[in-house]
């Protein structure tokens, strides 16, 4: 990030404090709303590209409409492609632990579509007294620390991401109701997209590993070889050194760069209730190191008209 970007940030933000060594920063002195000055929004956007996740405590004034309106100042909000939005909202996705909202697998949001979200804004509504933290991982530092030989390999690979998978096998504690909801709602329309395993960030130009739980296979490899190579690279992403963990309180907001991170909501709070609400912002088509863009496979892209 250019030095003047940091200068601008500290001119408009009371305090920005890194939370972990490689990812995450807490911002204080800002009341999130659609009325924020554009200078502040630009500074926060620059900080997001640098720190990957920004945390804001005590945003109790935000309701669903206020969260949507604030999100619209950062980009174009988009609804989830299969899961219905929260009642009375246009884009909000409610993650309620009593209705299957426990995203306890490592993933990047909605990578089964081609232009998956560039960022997510998550607000804590109900937080259990203990447990329910979220962990984020930095795909850029993960890539940076790969040996040269693995960098070369990863840059040459393409992976198929899909929302159709063996839900019961991935989530061993899944109830029959959760499995039914997954099949009837989350996988109601099957999506498949081919992404580069290493994507180039459209703003910073940094390279990051694009993996996560929606990866089904690596193009050109058998299922067993795909699984082995995937695990080697995925283990690099989720090394503790590349992560930040956030202990939620009601009213907290987290914003993350969905183009360079993965995250995991820890399911360690039993039958206590946890309710979060999320807005995602429209993203761009990922591009690999070789300049090749991601390709949507299912549903099949519409045919291009020719004269």
C-alpha atoms as a PDB file:
ATOM      1  CA  UNK A   1       0.000   0.000   0.000  1.00  0.00           C
ATOM      2  CA  UNK A   2       1.407   3.460  -0.872  1.00  0.00           C
ATOM      3  CA  UNK A   3       2.614   5.582   2.020  1.00  0.00           C
ATOM      4  CA  UNK A   4       0.066   8.302   1.233  1.00  0.00           C
ATOM      5  CA  UNK A   5      -2.666   5.676   1.633  1.00  0.00           C
ATOM      6  CA  UNK A   6      -1.574   5.094   5.226  1.00  0.00           C
ATOM      7  CA  UNK A   7      -1.300   8.823   5.820  1.00  0.00           C
ATOM      8  CA  UNK A   8      -4.835   9.284   4.565  1.00  0.00           C
ATOM      9  CA  UNK A   9      -6.019   6.435   6.762  1.00  0.00           C
ATOM     10  CA  UNK A  10      -4.572   7.861   9.954  1.00  0.00           C
ATOM     11  CA  UNK A  11      -5.963  11.286   9.122  1.00  0.00           C
ATOM     12  CA  UNK A  12      -9.519   9.946   9.158  1.00  0.00           C
ATOM     13  CA  UNK A  13      -9.369   6.946  11.503  1.00  0.00           C
ATOM     14  CA  UNK A  14      -8.751   7.479  15.198  1.00  0.00           C
ATOM     15  CA  UNK A  15      -6.924   4.212  15.568  1.00  0.00           C
ATOM     16  CA  UNK A  16      -6.102   1.132  13.508  1.00  0.00           C
ATOM     17  CA  UNK A  17      -4.481  -1.643  15.518  1.00  0.00           C
ATOM     18  CA  UNK A  18      -3.247  -4.897  13.980  1.00  0.00           C
ATOM     19  CA  UNK A  19      -4.781  -7.867  15.770  1.00  0.00           C
ATOM     20  CA  UNK A  20      -2.433 -10.586  14.492  1.00  0.00           C
ATOM     21  CA  UNK A  21       0.946 -10.458  12.826  1.00  0.00           C
ATOM     22  CA  UNK A  22      -0.153 -11.246   9.264  1.00  0.00           C
ATOM     23  CA  UNK A  23      -3.868 -10.530   9.059  1.00  0.00           C
ATOM     24  CA  UNK A  24      -6.556  -8.465  10.719  1.00  0.00           C
ATOM     25  CA  UNK A  25      -6.840  -4.994  12.253  1.00  0.00           C
ATOM     26  CA  UNK A  26      -9.283  -3.434  14.688  1.00  0.00           C
ATOM     27  CA  UNK A  27     -10.542   0.043  13.822  1.00  0.00           C
ATOM     28  CA  UNK A  28     -11.908   2.404  16.488  1.00  0.00           C
ATOM     29  CA  UNK A  29     -13.378   5.875  16.316  1.00  0.00           C
ATOM     30  CA  UNK A  30     -15.746   5.159  13.414  1.00  0.00           C
ATOM     31  CA  UNK A  31     -19.524   4.792  13.523  1.00  0.00           C
ATOM     32  CA  UNK A  32     -20.381   2.702  10.469  1.00  0.00           C
ATOM     33  CA  UNK A  33     -23.209   4.121   8.390  1.00  0.00           C
ATOM     34  CA  UNK A  34     -24.193   5.139   4.883  1.00  0.00           C
ATOM     35  CA  UNK A  35     -23.412   8.727   5.859  1.00  0.00           C
ATOM     36  CA  UNK A  36     -19.652   8.238   6.197  1.00  0.00           C
ATOM     37  CA  UNK A  37     -17.504  10.662   4.239  1.00  0.00           C
ATOM     38  CA  UNK A  38     -16.045   9.213   1.038  1.00  0.00           C
ATOM     39  CA  UNK A  39     -12.544   9.949   2.305  1.00  0.00           C
ATOM     40  CA  UNK A  40     -13.117   7.591   5.227  1.00  0.00           C
ATOM     41  CA  UNK A  41     -14.601   4.917   2.973  1.00  0.00           C
ATOM     42  CA  UNK A  42     -11.597   5.139   0.631  1.00  0.00           C
ATOM     43  CA  UNK A  43      -9.248   4.831   3.593  1.00  0.00           C
ATOM     44  CA  UNK A  44     -11.090   1.789   4.922  1.00  0.00           C
ATOM     45  CA  UNK A  45     -10.994   0.173   1.484  1.00  0.00           C
ATOM     46  CA  UNK A  46      -7.225   0.682   1.342  1.00  0.00           C
ATOM     47  CA  UNK A  47      -6.839  -0.728   4.857  1.00  0.00           C
ATOM     48  CA  UNK A  48      -8.951  -3.744   3.888  1.00  0.00           C
ATOM     49  CA  UNK A  49      -6.672  -4.623   0.980  1.00  0.00           C
ATOM     50  CA  UNK A  50      -3.677  -4.382   3.311  1.00  0.00           C
ATOM     51  CA  UNK A  51      -5.018  -6.079   6.454  1.00  0.00           C
ATOM     52  CA  UNK A  52      -7.594  -8.424   4.813  1.00  0.00           C
ATOM     53  CA  UNK A  53     -10.041  -8.212   7.758  1.00  0.00           C
ATOM     54  CA  UNK A  54     -11.214  -5.114   9.629  1.00  0.00           C
ATOM     55  CA  UNK A  55     -13.002  -5.365  12.982  1.00  0.00           C
ATOM     56  CA  UNK A  56     -15.320  -2.765  14.506  1.00  0.00           C
ATOM     57  CA  UNK A  57     -16.640  -3.082  18.067  1.00  0.00           C
ATOM     58  CA  UNK A  58     -19.911  -1.733  19.423  1.00  0.00           C
ATOM     59  CA  UNK A  59     -21.832  -0.900  16.239  1.00  0.00           C
ATOM     60  CA  UNK A  60     -25.142  -1.370  18.083  1.00  0.00           C
ATOM     61  CA  UNK A  61     -26.852   1.358  16.074  1.00  0.00           C
ATOM     62  CA  UNK A  62     -26.786  -0.758  12.912  1.00  0.00           C
ATOM     63  CA  UNK A  63     -29.961  -2.609  12.020  1.00  0.00           C
ATOM     64  CA  UNK A  64     -30.583  -4.648   8.873  1.00  0.00           C
ATOM     65  CA  UNK A  65     -31.412  -1.613   6.750  1.00  0.00           C
ATOM     66  CA  UNK A  66     -28.432   0.305   8.099  1.00  0.00           C
ATOM     67  CA  UNK A  67     -26.080  -2.594   7.365  1.00  0.00           C
ATOM     68  CA  UNK A  68     -27.359  -2.856   3.800  1.00  0.00           C
ATOM     69  CA  UNK A  69     -27.086   0.897   3.270  1.00  0.00           C
ATOM     70  CA  UNK A  70     -23.525   0.998   4.618  1.00  0.00           C
ATOM     71  CA  UNK A  71     -22.541  -1.974   2.450  1.00  0.00           C
ATOM     72  CA  UNK A  72     -23.870  -0.180  -0.619  1.00  0.00           C
ATOM     73  CA  UNK A  73     -21.313   2.599  -0.022  1.00  0.00           C
ATOM     74  CA  UNK A  74     -18.492   0.035  -0.337  1.00  0.00           C
ATOM     75  CA  UNK A  75     -19.744  -1.718  -3.457  1.00  0.00           C
ATOM     76  CA  UNK A  76     -22.757  -3.381  -5.046  1.00  0.00           C
ATOM     77  CA  UNK A  77     -24.556  -5.712  -2.606  1.00  0.00           C
ATOM     78  CA  UNK A  78     -25.571  -9.085  -4.032  1.00  0.00           C
ATOM     79  CA  UNK A  79     -27.891 -11.740  -2.643  1.00  0.00           C
ATOM     80  CA  UNK A  80     -26.756 -15.326  -2.127  1.00  0.00           C
ATOM     81  CA  UNK A  81     -27.419 -17.308  -5.325  1.00  0.00           C
ATOM     82  CA  UNK A  82     -29.441 -20.051  -3.592  1.00  0.00           C
ATOM     83  CA  UNK A  83     -30.226 -19.155   0.037  1.00  0.00           C
ATOM     84  CA  UNK A  84     -33.199 -16.779   0.541  1.00  0.00           C
ATOM     85  CA  UNK A  85     -32.458 -13.386   2.076  1.00  0.00           C
ATOM     86  CA  UNK A  86     -33.595 -12.477   5.585  1.00  0.00           C
ATOM     87  CA  UNK A  87     -37.217 -11.377   5.887  1.00  0.00           C
ATOM     88  CA  UNK A  88     -37.725  -7.729   4.999  1.00  0.00           C
ATOM     89  CA  UNK A  89     -34.263  -7.285   3.469  1.00  0.00           C
ATOM     90  CA  UNK A  90     -32.887  -7.136  -0.041  1.00  0.00           C
ATOM     91  CA  UNK A  91     -29.465  -8.743   0.356  1.00  0.00           C
ATOM     92  CA  UNK A  92     -28.939  -9.852   3.973  1.00  0.00           C
ATOM     93  CA  UNK A  93     -28.157 -13.490   4.614  1.00  0.00           C
ATOM     94  CA  UNK A  94     -29.035 -14.581   8.141  1.00  0.00           C
ATOM     95  CA  UNK A  95     -26.791 -17.201   9.735  1.00  0.00           C
ATOM     96  CA  UNK A  96     -28.827 -18.594  12.632  1.00  0.00           C
ATOM     97  CA  UNK A  97     -27.404 -21.591  14.497  1.00  0.00           C
ATOM     98  CA  UNK A  98     -30.960 -22.836  15.130  1.00  0.00           C
ATOM     99  CA  UNK A  99     -31.605 -22.979  11.371  1.00  0.00           C
ATOM    100  CA  UNK A 100     -28.408 -24.600  10.169  1.00  0.00           C
ATOM    101  CA  UNK A 101     -26.263 -21.446  10.132  1.00  0.00           C
ATOM    102  CA  UNK A 102     -23.027 -23.032  11.314  1.00  0.00           C
ATOM    103  CA  UNK A 103     -20.350 -22.492   8.647  1.00  0.00           C
ATOM    104  CA  UNK A 104     -17.690 -24.590  10.361  1.00  0.00           C
ATOM    105  CA  UNK A 105     -15.588 -25.451   7.328  1.00  0.00           C
ATOM    106  CA  UNK A 106     -12.748 -23.439   5.810  1.00  0.00           C
ATOM    107  CA  UNK A 107     -14.117 -21.564   2.819  1.00  0.00           C
ATOM    108  CA  UNK A 108     -14.119 -18.392   0.765  1.00  0.00           C
ATOM    109  CA  UNK A 109     -17.658 -17.116   0.282  1.00  0.00           C
ATOM    110  CA  UNK A 110     -19.526 -18.383  -2.790  1.00  0.00           C
ATOM    111  CA  UNK A 111     -16.532 -19.432  -4.891  1.00  0.00           C
ATOM    112  CA  UNK A 112     -18.779 -21.858  -6.754  1.00  0.00           C
ATOM    113  CA  UNK A 113     -19.830 -18.917  -8.967  1.00  0.00           C
ATOM    114  CA  UNK A 114     -17.460 -17.157 -11.336  1.00  0.00           C
ATOM    115  CA  UNK A 115     -17.574 -13.555 -10.075  1.00  0.00           C
ATOM    116  CA  UNK A 116     -17.754 -14.453  -6.403  1.00  0.00           C
ATOM    117  CA  UNK A 117     -18.045 -11.615  -3.833  1.00  0.00           C
ATOM    118  CA  UNK A 118     -15.134  -9.240  -3.384  1.00  0.00           C
ATOM    119  CA  UNK A 119     -15.969  -8.570   0.269  1.00  0.00           C
ATOM    120  CA  UNK A 120     -18.335  -9.564   3.062  1.00  0.00           C
ATOM    121  CA  UNK A 121     -19.733  -7.461   5.907  1.00  0.00           C
ATOM    122  CA  UNK A 122     -20.784  -9.575   8.910  1.00  0.00           C
ATOM    123  CA  UNK A 123     -22.701  -8.223  11.922  1.00  0.00           C
ATOM    124  CA  UNK A 124     -23.116 -10.048  15.235  1.00  0.00           C
ATOM    125  CA  UNK A 125     -26.741 -10.004  16.444  1.00  0.00           C
ATOM    126  CA  UNK A 126     -26.829 -12.753  19.090  1.00  0.00           C
ATOM    127  CA  UNK A 127     -23.569 -14.120  20.468  1.00  0.00           C
ATOM    128  CA  UNK A 128     -23.225 -17.125  22.809  1.00  0.00           C
ATOM    129  CA  UNK A 129     -21.639 -16.405  26.207  1.00  0.00           C
ATOM    130  CA  UNK A 130     -18.780 -18.713  25.242  1.00  0.00           C
ATOM    131  CA  UNK A 131     -17.537 -20.038  21.921  1.00  0.00           C
ATOM    132  CA  UNK A 132     -18.596 -19.080  18.419  1.00  0.00           C
ATOM    133  CA  UNK A 133     -15.392 -17.286  17.381  1.00  0.00           C
ATOM    134  CA  UNK A 134     -14.505 -16.857  13.707  1.00  0.00           C
ATOM    135  CA  UNK A 135     -11.024 -17.422  12.257  1.00  0.00           C
ATOM    136  CA  UNK A 136      -9.711 -15.915   9.016  1.00  0.00           C
ATOM    137  CA  UNK A 137      -6.661 -17.029   7.022  1.00  0.00           C
ATOM    138  CA  UNK A 138      -4.475 -14.979   4.679  1.00  0.00           C
ATOM    139  CA  UNK A 139      -4.126 -16.581   1.243  1.00  0.00           C
ATOM    140  CA  UNK A 140      -1.445 -14.091   0.183  1.00  0.00           C
ATOM    141  CA  UNK A 141       1.065 -14.835   2.939  1.00  0.00           C
ATOM    142  CA  UNK A 142       0.301 -18.519   2.423  1.00  0.00           C
ATOM    143  CA  UNK A 143       1.340 -18.222  -1.226  1.00  0.00           C
ATOM    144  CA  UNK A 144       4.368 -16.046  -0.403  1.00  0.00           C
ATOM    145  CA  UNK A 145       5.818 -18.690   1.908  1.00  0.00           C
ATOM    146  CA  UNK A 146       5.514 -21.605  -0.494  1.00  0.00           C
ATOM    147  CA  UNK A 147       8.818 -23.051  -1.774  1.00  0.00           C
ATOM    148  CA  UNK A 148       9.534 -21.891  -5.350  1.00  0.00           C
ATOM    149  CA  UNK A 149       8.749 -25.334  -6.755  1.00  0.00           C
ATOM    150  CA  UNK A 150       5.297 -25.382  -5.122  1.00  0.00           C
ATOM    151  CA  UNK A 151       4.611 -21.827  -6.285  1.00  0.00           C
ATOM    152  CA  UNK A 152       5.298 -22.892  -9.859  1.00  0.00           C
ATOM    153  CA  UNK A 153       3.035 -25.922  -9.480  1.00  0.00           C
ATOM    154  CA  UNK A 154       0.201 -23.984  -7.843  1.00  0.00           C
ATOM    155  CA  UNK A 155       0.324 -21.263 -10.507  1.00  0.00           C
ATOM    156  CA  UNK A 156      -0.199 -23.885 -13.209  1.00  0.00           C
ATOM    157  CA  UNK A 157      -3.293 -25.450 -11.591  1.00  0.00           C
ATOM    158  CA  UNK A 158      -6.998 -24.851 -12.074  1.00  0.00           C
ATOM    159  CA  UNK A 159      -9.666 -26.164  -9.678  1.00  0.00           C
ATOM    160  CA  UNK A 160     -13.389 -26.882  -9.954  1.00  0.00           C
ATOM    161  CA  UNK A 161     -15.495 -25.273  -7.210  1.00  0.00           C
ATOM    162  CA  UNK A 162     -19.099 -26.373  -6.614  1.00  0.00           C
ATOM    163  CA  UNK A 163     -21.881 -26.062  -4.050  1.00  0.00           C
ATOM    164  CA  UNK A 164     -22.765 -29.734  -4.617  1.00  0.00           C
ATOM    165  CA  UNK A 165     -20.863 -32.101  -2.332  1.00  0.00           C
ATOM    166  CA  UNK A 166     -21.390 -34.872   0.228  1.00  0.00           C
ATOM    167  CA  UNK A 167     -22.708 -32.718   3.047  1.00  0.00           C
ATOM    168  CA  UNK A 168     -22.947 -35.553   5.569  1.00  0.00           C
ATOM    169  CA  UNK A 169     -19.348 -36.618   4.925  1.00  0.00           C
ATOM    170  CA  UNK A 170     -17.978 -33.095   5.306  1.00  0.00           C
ATOM    171  CA  UNK A 171     -20.080 -32.307   8.386  1.00  0.00           C
ATOM    172  CA  UNK A 172     -19.965 -35.447  10.482  1.00  0.00           C
ATOM    173  CA  UNK A 173     -22.289 -33.987  13.148  1.00  0.00           C
ATOM    174  CA  UNK A 174     -24.930 -32.939  10.603  1.00  0.00           C
ATOM    175  CA  UNK A 175     -28.531 -33.637  11.585  1.00  0.00           C
ATOM    176  CA  UNK A 176     -31.063 -35.071   9.150  1.00  0.00           C
ATOM    177  CA  UNK A 177     -32.767 -31.649   9.115  1.00  0.00           C
ATOM    178  CA  UNK A 178     -29.497 -29.918   8.211  1.00  0.00           C
ATOM    179  CA  UNK A 179     -28.878 -32.384   5.381  1.00  0.00           C
ATOM    180  CA  UNK A 180     -32.414 -31.849   4.065  1.00  0.00           C
ATOM    181  CA  UNK A 181     -31.996 -28.064   4.186  1.00  0.00           C
ATOM    182  CA  UNK A 182     -28.650 -28.302   2.376  1.00  0.00           C
ATOM    183  CA  UNK A 183     -30.172 -30.337  -0.451  1.00  0.00           C
ATOM    184  CA  UNK A 184     -33.374 -28.317  -0.802  1.00  0.00           C
ATOM    185  CA  UNK A 185     -31.935 -24.824  -0.319  1.00  0.00           C
ATOM    186  CA  UNK A 186     -28.154 -24.463  -0.576  1.00  0.00           C
ATOM    187  CA  UNK A 187     -27.830 -26.945  -3.471  1.00  0.00           C
ATOM    188  CA  UNK A 188     -31.209 -26.162  -5.042  1.00  0.00           C
ATOM    189  CA  UNK A 189     -29.311 -24.950  -8.112  1.00  0.00           C
ATOM    190  CA  UNK A 190     -25.976 -26.631  -8.788  1.00  0.00           C
ATOM    191  CA  UNK A 191     -23.095 -24.336  -9.677  1.00  0.00           C
ATOM    192  CA  UNK A 192     -19.644 -25.278 -10.932  1.00  0.00           C
ATOM    193  CA  UNK A 193     -16.824 -22.886 -11.764  1.00  0.00           C
ATOM    194  CA  UNK A 194     -13.222 -23.387 -12.834  1.00  0.00           C
ATOM    195  CA  UNK A 195     -10.886 -21.000 -10.985  1.00  0.00           C
ATOM    196  CA  UNK A 196      -7.108 -20.599 -10.994  1.00  0.00           C
ATOM    197  CA  UNK A 197      -5.544 -22.009  -7.828  1.00  0.00           C
ATOM    198  CA  UNK A 198      -3.486 -18.804  -7.633  1.00  0.00           C
ATOM    199  CA  UNK A 199      -5.381 -15.602  -8.393  1.00  0.00           C
ATOM    200  CA  UNK A 200      -4.022 -12.094  -8.832  1.00  0.00           C
ATOM    201  CA  UNK A 201      -5.651  -9.403  -6.695  1.00  0.00           C
ATOM    202  CA  UNK A 202      -7.221  -6.774  -8.992  1.00  0.00           C
ATOM    203  CA  UNK A 203      -6.189  -3.856  -6.741  1.00  0.00           C
ATOM    204  CA  UNK A 204      -2.846  -4.797  -5.197  1.00  0.00           C
ATOM    205  CA  UNK A 205      -1.558  -7.241  -7.829  1.00  0.00           C
ATOM    206  CA  UNK A 206      -0.651  -9.673  -5.024  1.00  0.00           C
ATOM    207  CA  UNK A 207      -0.947 -13.421  -5.606  1.00  0.00           C
ATOM    208  CA  UNK A 208      -3.003 -15.596  -3.274  1.00  0.00           C
ATOM    209  CA  UNK A 209      -4.101 -19.206  -3.004  1.00  0.00           C
ATOM    210  CA  UNK A 210      -7.759 -19.631  -3.997  1.00  0.00           C
ATOM    211  CA  UNK A 211      -8.925 -22.831  -2.326  1.00  0.00           C
ATOM    212  CA  UNK A 212     -11.412 -23.621   0.458  1.00  0.00           C
ATOM    213  CA  UNK A 213     -14.203 -26.089   1.031  1.00  0.00           C
ATOM    214  CA  UNK A 214     -15.991 -25.600  -2.288  1.00  0.00           C
ATOM    215  CA  UNK A 215     -13.085 -27.129  -4.237  1.00  0.00           C
ATOM    216  CA  UNK A 216     -14.164 -30.473  -5.679  1.00  0.00           C
ATOM    217  CA  UNK A 217     -11.226 -31.449  -7.871  1.00  0.00           C
ATOM    218  CA  UNK A 218      -8.137 -30.105  -9.628  1.00  0.00           C
ATOM    219  CA  UNK A 219      -8.440 -30.044 -13.405  1.00  0.00           C
ATOM    220  CA  UNK A 220      -6.595 -32.880 -15.142  1.00  0.00           C
ATOM    221  CA  UNK A 221      -5.905 -34.887 -11.976  1.00  0.00           C
ATOM    222  CA  UNK A 222      -7.581 -37.923 -10.462  1.00  0.00           C
ATOM    223  CA  UNK A 223      -9.712 -37.515  -7.367  1.00  0.00           C
ATOM    224  CA  UNK A 224      -7.007 -38.996  -5.148  1.00  0.00           C
ATOM    225  CA  UNK A 225      -4.202 -36.849  -6.602  1.00  0.00           C
ATOM    226  CA  UNK A 226      -6.440 -33.769  -6.412  1.00  0.00           C
ATOM    227  CA  UNK A 227      -7.124 -34.435  -2.741  1.00  0.00           C
ATOM    228  CA  UNK A 228      -3.437 -34.823  -1.888  1.00  0.00           C
ATOM    229  CA  UNK A 229      -2.284 -31.695  -3.690  1.00  0.00           C
ATOM    230  CA  UNK A 230      -5.247 -29.717  -2.385  1.00  0.00           C
ATOM    231  CA  UNK A 231      -4.418 -30.692   1.188  1.00  0.00           C
ATOM    232  CA  UNK A 232      -0.760 -29.679   0.872  1.00  0.00           C
ATOM    233  CA  UNK A 233      -1.754 -26.206  -0.343  1.00  0.00           C
ATOM    234  CA  UNK A 234      -4.747 -25.828   1.981  1.00  0.00           C
ATOM    235  CA  UNK A 235      -2.633 -26.731   5.007  1.00  0.00           C
ATOM    236  CA  UNK A 236      -0.335 -23.860   4.040  1.00  0.00           C
ATOM    237  CA  UNK A 237      -3.251 -21.406   4.023  1.00  0.00           C
ATOM    238  CA  UNK A 238      -4.568 -22.349   7.471  1.00  0.00           C
ATOM    239  CA  UNK A 239      -1.242 -22.438   9.304  1.00  0.00           C
ATOM    240  CA  UNK A 240      -1.747 -20.611  12.602  1.00  0.00           C
ATOM    241  CA  UNK A 241       0.810 -17.991  11.581  1.00  0.00           C
ATOM    242  CA  UNK A 242      -1.489 -16.969   8.705  1.00  0.00           C
ATOM    243  CA  UNK A 243      -4.649 -16.609  10.816  1.00  0.00           C
ATOM    244  CA  UNK A 244      -6.508 -14.218  13.092  1.00  0.00           C
ATOM    245  CA  UNK A 245      -9.246 -15.232  15.556  1.00  0.00           C
ATOM    246  CA  UNK A 246     -12.025 -12.887  16.661  1.00  0.00           C
ATOM    247  CA  UNK A 247     -14.081 -13.226  19.843  1.00  0.00           C
ATOM    248  CA  UNK A 248     -17.466 -11.745  18.985  1.00  0.00           C
ATOM    249  CA  UNK A 249     -19.650  -9.451  21.060  1.00  0.00           C
ATOM    250  CA  UNK A 250     -23.133  -8.379  20.001  1.00  0.00           C
ATOM    251  CA  UNK A 251     -22.850  -5.295  17.803  1.00  0.00           C
ATOM    252  CA  UNK A 252     -19.444  -6.197  16.361  1.00  0.00           C
ATOM    253  CA  UNK A 253     -18.905  -5.921  12.607  1.00  0.00           C
ATOM    254  CA  UNK A 254     -16.198  -7.610  10.545  1.00  0.00           C
ATOM    255  CA  UNK A 255     -15.405  -6.732   6.931  1.00  0.00           C
ATOM    256  CA  UNK A 256     -13.098  -9.005   4.982  1.00  0.00           C
ATOM    257  CA  UNK A 257     -11.500  -9.103   1.548  1.00  0.00           C
ATOM    258  CA  UNK A 258     -13.060 -12.260   0.150  1.00  0.00           C
ATOM    259  CA  UNK A 259     -10.545 -12.333  -2.729  1.00  0.00           C
ATOM    260  CA  UNK A 260      -7.568 -13.141  -0.514  1.00  0.00           C
ATOM    261  CA  UNK A 261      -8.911 -14.918   2.571  1.00  0.00           C
ATOM    262  CA  UNK A 262     -10.651 -18.002   3.869  1.00  0.00           C
ATOM    263  CA  UNK A 263     -12.639 -18.179   7.108  1.00  0.00           C
ATOM    264  CA  UNK A 264     -14.072 -20.695   9.553  1.00  0.00           C
ATOM    265  CA  UNK A 265     -16.865 -20.212  12.117  1.00  0.00           C
ATOM    266  CA  UNK A 266     -15.968 -22.375  15.116  1.00  0.00           C
ATOM    267  CA  UNK A 267     -18.872 -24.622  16.149  1.00  0.00           C
ATOM    268  CA  UNK A 268     -18.003 -25.053  19.835  1.00  0.00           C
ATOM    269  CA  UNK A 269     -21.027 -23.484  21.529  1.00  0.00           C
ATOM    270  CA  UNK A 270     -23.417 -26.441  21.718  1.00  0.00           C
ATOM    271  CA  UNK A 271     -27.095 -25.499  21.850  1.00  0.00           C
ATOM    272  CA  UNK A 272     -26.414 -21.843  22.663  1.00  0.00           C
ATOM    273  CA  UNK A 273     -27.823 -19.565  19.979  1.00  0.00           C
ATOM    274  CA  UNK A 274     -25.651 -17.576  17.571  1.00  0.00           C
ATOM    275  CA  UNK A 275     -27.166 -15.217  14.975  1.00  0.00           C
ATOM    276  CA  UNK A 276     -25.104 -13.272  12.428  1.00  0.00           C
ATOM    277  CA  UNK A 277     -26.197 -11.241   9.410  1.00  0.00           C
ATOM    278  CA  UNK A 278     -24.051 -10.869   6.309  1.00  0.00           C
ATOM    279  CA  UNK A 279     -24.014  -8.716   3.197  1.00  0.00           C
ATOM    280  CA  UNK A 280     -21.704  -9.579   0.301  1.00  0.00           C
ATOM    281  CA  UNK A 281     -20.467  -7.225  -2.406  1.00  0.00           C
ATOM    282  CA  UNK A 282     -20.280  -8.082  -6.096  1.00  0.00           C
ATOM    283  CA  UNK A 283     -16.857  -9.224  -7.231  1.00  0.00           C
ATOM    284  CA  UNK A 284     -14.869  -9.398 -10.435  1.00  0.00           C
ATOM    285  CA  UNK A 285     -13.812 -12.387 -12.520  1.00  0.00           C
ATOM    286  CA  UNK A 286     -10.650 -13.910 -11.009  1.00  0.00           C
ATOM    287  CA  UNK A 287      -7.569 -14.051 -13.200  1.00  0.00           C
ATOM    288  CA  UNK A 288      -4.610 -16.388 -12.774  1.00  0.00           C
ATOM    289  CA  UNK A 289      -0.909 -15.647 -13.044  1.00  0.00           C
ATOM    290  CA  UNK A 290      -1.051 -16.712 -16.705  1.00  0.00           C
ATOM    291  CA  UNK A 291      -3.801 -14.177 -17.451  1.00  0.00           C
ATOM    292  CA  UNK A 292      -6.523 -16.811 -17.846  1.00  0.00           C
ATOM    293  CA  UNK A 293      -9.855 -15.886 -16.274  1.00  0.00           C
ATOM    294  CA  UNK A 294     -12.212 -18.112 -14.300  1.00  0.00           C
ATOM    295  CA  UNK A 295     -14.911 -19.931 -16.292  1.00  0.00           C
ATOM    296  CA  UNK A 296     -18.489 -20.720 -15.204  1.00  0.00           C
ATOM    297  CA  UNK A 297     -19.387 -24.339 -16.051  1.00  0.00           C
ATOM    298  CA  UNK A 298     -22.819 -24.863 -14.419  1.00  0.00           C
ATOM    299  CA  UNK A 299     -25.335 -23.539 -15.074  1.00  0.00           C
ATOM    300  CA  UNK A 300     -23.966 -23.323 -18.591  1.00  0.00           C
ATOM    301  CA  UNK A 301     -23.190 -19.727 -19.628  1.00  0.00           C
ATOM    302  CA  UNK A 302     -25.605 -18.330 -22.227  1.00  0.00           C
ATOM    303  CA  UNK A 303     -24.480 -18.658 -25.812  1.00  0.00           C
ATOM    304  CA  UNK A 304     -22.880 -15.569 -27.318  1.00  0.00           C
ATOM    305  CA  UNK A 305     -24.911 -14.302 -30.275  1.00  0.00           C
ATOM    306  CA  UNK A 306     -23.062 -14.027 -33.569  1.00  0.00           C
ATOM    307  CA  UNK A 307     -24.059 -12.326 -36.788  1.00  0.00           C
END
